[in-house]
């Protein structure tokens, strides 16, 4: 089986931020919500794009987001890179698993 593509890069404002917690194995994890707004060309016209996505970050990225890089992360603009994965075995809703965060 070939390696199917699953890479996401999105910028947006952090609109929800849960408290930093740790998995049973001791790995830091934080869940948050990202709101994106932009304009994109589609079918020869500009389209306003608005979306909100649930996201989760682990280890160093979770600690970075929890610290807000010296400022509170809630309400801040950031660029997130990662991949999509089902929220759980019971819920197939996609969640962005963030592997890199850059505050803008």
N, C-alpha and C. Protein backbone atom coordinates (compact mmCIF):
# COMPACT_ATOMS: atom_id res chain seq x y z
N UNK A 1 0.84 -1.18 0.00
CA UNK A 1 0.00 0.00 0.00
C UNK A 1 0.89 1.25 0.00
N UNK A 2 0.59 2.19 -0.86
CA UNK A 2 1.37 3.43 -0.90
C UNK A 2 0.99 4.32 0.28
N UNK A 3 1.81 5.32 0.52
CA UNK A 3 1.58 6.25 1.63
C UNK A 3 0.66 7.37 1.16
N UNK A 4 -0.64 7.35 1.52
CA UNK A 4 -1.57 8.39 1.07
C UNK A 4 -1.25 9.72 1.75
N UNK A 5 -1.46 10.80 1.02
CA UNK A 5 -1.18 12.14 1.55
C UNK A 5 -2.20 12.52 2.61
N UNK A 6 -1.74 13.13 3.66
CA UNK A 6 -2.58 13.66 4.73
C UNK A 6 -1.77 14.75 5.42
N UNK A 7 -1.74 15.93 4.82
CA UNK A 7 -0.97 17.05 5.36
C UNK A 7 -1.84 18.29 5.30
N UNK A 8 -1.90 19.02 6.40
CA UNK A 8 -2.73 20.22 6.49
C UNK A 8 -1.87 21.37 6.99
N UNK A 9 -2.03 22.53 6.36
CA UNK A 9 -1.41 23.77 6.82
C UNK A 9 -2.50 24.82 6.82
N UNK A 10 -2.75 25.43 7.97
CA UNK A 10 -3.83 26.41 8.09
C UNK A 10 -3.43 27.47 9.11
N UNK A 11 -3.87 28.69 8.86
CA UNK A 11 -3.66 29.75 9.84
C UNK A 11 -5.02 30.17 10.37
N UNK A 12 -5.02 30.68 11.56
CA UNK A 12 -6.27 31.12 12.16
C UNK A 12 -6.07 31.64 13.57
N UNK A 13 -7.16 32.02 14.17
CA UNK A 13 -7.17 32.56 15.52
C UNK A 13 -7.62 31.47 16.48
N UNK A 14 -6.93 31.34 17.59
CA UNK A 14 -7.31 30.37 18.62
C UNK A 14 -8.56 30.90 19.32
N UNK A 15 -9.69 30.20 19.15
CA UNK A 15 -10.95 30.65 19.75
C UNK A 15 -11.35 29.83 20.96
N UNK A 16 -10.72 28.73 21.17
CA UNK A 16 -10.99 27.90 22.34
C UNK A 16 -9.72 27.19 22.73
N UNK A 17 -9.46 27.11 24.03
CA UNK A 17 -8.23 26.49 24.51
C UNK A 17 -8.51 25.80 25.83
N UNK A 18 -8.35 24.49 25.85
CA UNK A 18 -8.55 23.75 27.10
C UNK A 18 -7.26 23.75 27.91
N UNK A 19 -7.36 23.34 29.13
CA UNK A 19 -6.19 23.29 30.00
C UNK A 19 -5.23 22.20 29.55
N UNK A 20 -3.95 22.45 29.74
CA UNK A 20 -2.94 21.45 29.46
C UNK A 20 -3.17 20.26 30.39
N UNK A 21 -3.13 19.07 29.82
CA UNK A 21 -3.26 17.85 30.62
C UNK A 21 -2.20 16.86 30.15
N UNK A 22 -2.15 15.71 30.80
CA UNK A 22 -1.18 14.69 30.43
C UNK A 22 -1.90 13.36 30.19
N UNK A 23 -1.43 12.62 29.20
CA UNK A 23 -1.98 11.30 28.93
C UNK A 23 -1.55 10.37 30.07
N UNK A 24 -2.15 9.17 30.16
CA UNK A 24 -1.71 8.22 31.19
C UNK A 24 -0.22 7.90 31.10
N UNK A 25 0.36 8.04 29.91
CA UNK A 25 1.80 7.79 29.73
C UNK A 25 2.64 9.02 30.09
N UNK A 26 1.98 10.12 30.49
CA UNK A 26 2.70 11.32 30.90
C UNK A 26 3.01 12.30 29.78
N UNK A 27 2.42 12.11 28.60
CA UNK A 27 2.67 13.00 27.46
C UNK A 27 1.77 14.23 27.58
N UNK A 28 2.33 15.45 27.52
CA UNK A 28 1.51 16.65 27.56
C UNK A 28 0.61 16.74 26.33
N UNK A 29 -0.65 17.15 26.53
CA UNK A 29 -1.60 17.28 25.43
C UNK A 29 -2.51 18.47 25.71
N UNK A 30 -2.88 19.18 24.65
CA UNK A 30 -3.80 20.30 24.78
C UNK A 30 -4.73 20.30 23.57
N UNK A 31 -6.01 20.54 23.84
CA UNK A 31 -7.00 20.62 22.77
C UNK A 31 -7.40 22.08 22.59
N UNK A 32 -7.62 22.47 21.33
CA UNK A 32 -8.00 23.84 21.06
C UNK A 32 -8.83 23.92 19.80
N UNK A 33 -9.37 25.09 19.53
CA UNK A 33 -10.19 25.34 18.35
C UNK A 33 -9.57 26.48 17.58
N UNK A 34 -9.51 26.34 16.27
CA UNK A 34 -8.89 27.32 15.39
C UNK A 34 -9.92 27.84 14.40
N UNK A 35 -10.03 29.16 14.29
CA UNK A 35 -10.97 29.80 13.36
C UNK A 35 -10.18 30.43 12.22
N UNK A 36 -10.51 30.02 11.01
CA UNK A 36 -9.82 30.50 9.81
C UNK A 36 -10.76 31.37 8.97
N UNK A 37 -10.22 32.44 8.40
CA UNK A 37 -10.98 33.29 7.47
C UNK A 37 -10.01 33.77 6.39
N UNK A 38 -10.42 33.63 5.13
CA UNK A 38 -9.59 34.09 4.02
C UNK A 38 -10.45 34.20 2.76
N UNK A 39 -9.81 34.54 1.66
CA UNK A 39 -10.44 34.51 0.34
C UNK A 39 -9.60 33.63 -0.56
N UNK A 40 -10.25 32.80 -1.34
CA UNK A 40 -9.58 31.89 -2.25
C UNK A 40 -10.25 31.95 -3.61
N UNK A 41 -9.44 31.75 -4.65
CA UNK A 41 -9.97 31.69 -6.00
C UNK A 41 -10.55 30.31 -6.24
N UNK A 42 -11.78 30.29 -6.76
CA UNK A 42 -12.44 29.02 -7.07
C UNK A 42 -13.37 29.24 -8.25
N UNK A 43 -13.23 28.43 -9.29
CA UNK A 43 -14.08 28.51 -10.48
C UNK A 43 -14.09 29.91 -11.07
N UNK A 44 -12.93 30.55 -11.07
CA UNK A 44 -12.79 31.87 -11.69
C UNK A 44 -13.30 33.04 -10.86
N UNK A 45 -13.64 32.83 -9.63
CA UNK A 45 -14.13 33.91 -8.77
C UNK A 45 -13.52 33.78 -7.38
N UNK A 46 -13.52 34.91 -6.65
CA UNK A 46 -13.05 34.87 -5.26
C UNK A 46 -14.17 34.37 -4.36
N UNK A 47 -13.80 33.51 -3.45
CA UNK A 47 -14.77 32.96 -2.51
C UNK A 47 -14.28 33.24 -1.09
N UNK A 48 -15.18 33.74 -0.25
CA UNK A 48 -14.85 33.93 1.16
C UNK A 48 -14.87 32.57 1.84
N UNK A 49 -13.81 32.31 2.56
CA UNK A 49 -13.66 31.03 3.25
C UNK A 49 -13.68 31.27 4.75
N UNK A 50 -14.59 30.62 5.44
CA UNK A 50 -14.67 30.68 6.90
C UNK A 50 -14.82 29.25 7.40
N UNK A 51 -14.00 28.88 8.36
CA UNK A 51 -14.08 27.54 8.90
C UNK A 51 -13.52 27.53 10.32
N UNK A 52 -14.03 26.62 11.12
CA UNK A 52 -13.48 26.37 12.45
C UNK A 52 -13.17 24.89 12.54
N UNK A 53 -12.04 24.57 13.14
CA UNK A 53 -11.63 23.18 13.24
C UNK A 53 -11.10 22.91 14.65
N UNK A 54 -11.46 21.74 15.17
CA UNK A 54 -10.91 21.29 16.44
C UNK A 54 -9.52 20.75 16.18
N UNK A 55 -8.62 21.00 17.13
CA UNK A 55 -7.24 20.57 16.97
C UNK A 55 -6.69 20.07 18.30
N UNK A 56 -5.62 19.30 18.20
CA UNK A 56 -4.95 18.78 19.39
C UNK A 56 -3.45 18.81 19.13
N UNK A 57 -2.69 19.12 20.17
CA UNK A 57 -1.24 19.15 20.06
C UNK A 57 -0.65 18.35 21.22
N UNK A 58 0.46 17.67 20.96
CA UNK A 58 1.13 16.85 21.95
C UNK A 58 2.56 17.35 22.17
N UNK A 59 3.14 16.93 23.26
CA UNK A 59 4.52 17.17 23.63
C UNK A 59 4.93 18.63 23.50
N UNK A 60 6.01 18.92 22.78
CA UNK A 60 6.55 20.27 22.72
C UNK A 60 5.54 21.28 22.17
N UNK A 61 4.74 20.87 21.18
CA UNK A 61 3.76 21.78 20.59
C UNK A 61 2.65 22.11 21.61
N UNK A 62 2.29 21.14 22.44
CA UNK A 62 1.29 21.38 23.49
C UNK A 62 1.83 22.36 24.52
N UNK A 63 3.08 22.17 24.91
CA UNK A 63 3.69 23.08 25.89
C UNK A 63 3.82 24.48 25.32
N UNK A 64 4.19 24.59 24.04
CA UNK A 64 4.30 25.88 23.38
C UNK A 64 2.96 26.59 23.35
N UNK A 65 1.90 25.88 23.00
CA UNK A 65 0.57 26.47 22.94
C UNK A 65 0.08 26.85 24.34
N UNK A 66 0.33 26.00 25.32
CA UNK A 66 -0.10 26.28 26.69
C UNK A 66 0.59 27.53 27.23
N UNK A 67 1.86 27.70 26.89
CA UNK A 67 2.62 28.86 27.34
C UNK A 67 2.27 30.09 26.52
N UNK A 68 1.75 29.89 25.31
CA UNK A 68 1.40 31.00 24.44
C UNK A 68 2.61 31.79 23.99
N UNK A 69 3.80 31.18 24.12
CA UNK A 69 5.06 31.82 23.74
C UNK A 69 5.13 33.21 24.37
N UNK A 70 4.97 33.27 25.66
CA UNK A 70 5.06 34.46 26.51
C UNK A 70 3.78 35.30 26.55
N UNK A 71 2.78 34.99 25.75
CA UNK A 71 1.49 35.70 25.77
C UNK A 71 0.39 34.65 25.77
N UNK A 72 -0.77 34.97 26.32
CA UNK A 72 -1.87 34.00 26.26
C UNK A 72 -2.19 33.62 24.81
N UNK A 73 -2.37 32.34 24.54
CA UNK A 73 -2.62 31.87 23.18
C UNK A 73 -4.04 32.17 22.71
N UNK A 74 -4.99 32.23 23.64
CA UNK A 74 -6.38 32.47 23.26
C UNK A 74 -6.50 33.82 22.56
N UNK A 75 -7.07 33.83 21.36
CA UNK A 75 -7.23 35.05 20.58
C UNK A 75 -6.04 35.38 19.70
N UNK A 76 -4.99 34.59 19.75
CA UNK A 76 -3.80 34.86 18.94
C UNK A 76 -3.86 34.16 17.60
N UNK A 77 -3.25 34.79 16.61
CA UNK A 77 -3.14 34.22 15.27
C UNK A 77 -1.95 33.29 15.23
N UNK A 78 -2.15 32.12 14.64
CA UNK A 78 -1.04 31.19 14.49
C UNK A 78 -1.19 30.40 13.20
N UNK A 79 -0.09 29.79 12.80
CA UNK A 79 -0.10 28.86 11.67
C UNK A 79 0.13 27.47 12.25
N UNK A 80 -0.72 26.54 11.87
CA UNK A 80 -0.61 25.17 12.36
C UNK A 80 -0.39 24.23 11.19
N UNK A 81 0.49 23.28 11.38
CA UNK A 81 0.74 22.25 10.39
C UNK A 81 0.51 20.91 11.07
N UNK A 82 -0.05 19.96 10.33
CA UNK A 82 -0.28 18.65 10.90
C UNK A 82 -1.05 17.75 9.96
N UNK A 83 -1.86 16.87 10.54
CA UNK A 83 -2.63 15.91 9.75
C UNK A 83 -4.00 15.71 10.39
N UNK A 84 -4.93 15.19 9.60
CA UNK A 84 -6.28 14.92 10.09
C UNK A 84 -6.41 13.48 10.56
N UNK A 85 -7.15 13.31 11.65
CA UNK A 85 -7.40 11.98 12.20
C UNK A 85 -8.79 11.99 12.84
N UNK A 86 -9.46 10.86 12.86
CA UNK A 86 -10.76 10.76 13.52
C UNK A 86 -10.61 11.09 15.00
N UNK A 87 -11.62 11.75 15.56
CA UNK A 87 -11.58 12.15 16.96
C UNK A 87 -11.43 10.95 17.89
N UNK A 88 -12.14 9.88 17.60
CA UNK A 88 -12.07 8.67 18.43
C UNK A 88 -12.58 7.49 17.62
N UNK A 89 -12.60 6.34 18.23
CA UNK A 89 -13.15 5.16 17.55
C UNK A 89 -14.65 5.31 17.33
N UNK A 90 -15.31 6.01 18.25
CA UNK A 90 -16.76 6.19 18.15
C UNK A 90 -17.14 7.38 17.26
N UNK A 91 -16.31 8.41 17.21
CA UNK A 91 -16.60 9.62 16.43
C UNK A 91 -15.59 9.76 15.30
N UNK A 92 -16.08 9.77 14.09
CA UNK A 92 -15.21 9.89 12.92
C UNK A 92 -14.99 11.35 12.51
N UNK A 93 -15.46 12.30 13.33
CA UNK A 93 -15.26 13.72 13.06
C UNK A 93 -13.76 14.00 12.97
N UNK A 94 -13.31 14.69 11.92
CA UNK A 94 -11.88 14.95 11.80
C UNK A 94 -11.38 15.99 12.81
N UNK A 95 -10.20 15.73 13.33
CA UNK A 95 -9.51 16.63 14.24
C UNK A 95 -8.11 16.84 13.68
N UNK A 96 -7.65 18.09 13.71
CA UNK A 96 -6.30 18.39 13.25
C UNK A 96 -5.30 18.05 14.34
N UNK A 97 -4.40 17.12 14.07
CA UNK A 97 -3.32 16.80 14.99
C UNK A 97 -2.14 17.65 14.58
N UNK A 98 -1.81 18.61 15.40
CA UNK A 98 -0.80 19.63 15.07
C UNK A 98 0.61 19.12 15.38
N UNK A 99 1.47 19.18 14.39
CA UNK A 99 2.87 18.77 14.57
C UNK A 99 3.82 19.96 14.58
N UNK A 100 3.33 21.14 14.18
CA UNK A 100 4.15 22.35 14.21
C UNK A 100 3.26 23.57 14.38
N UNK A 101 3.64 24.45 15.29
CA UNK A 101 2.91 25.70 15.55
C UNK A 101 3.85 26.87 15.40
N UNK A 102 3.37 27.90 14.70
CA UNK A 102 4.14 29.14 14.56
C UNK A 102 3.22 30.30 14.88
N UNK A 103 3.52 31.04 15.96
CA UNK A 103 2.73 32.23 16.29
C UNK A 103 3.05 33.32 15.29
N UNK A 104 2.03 34.03 14.85
CA UNK A 104 2.22 35.07 13.82
C UNK A 104 2.03 36.45 14.44
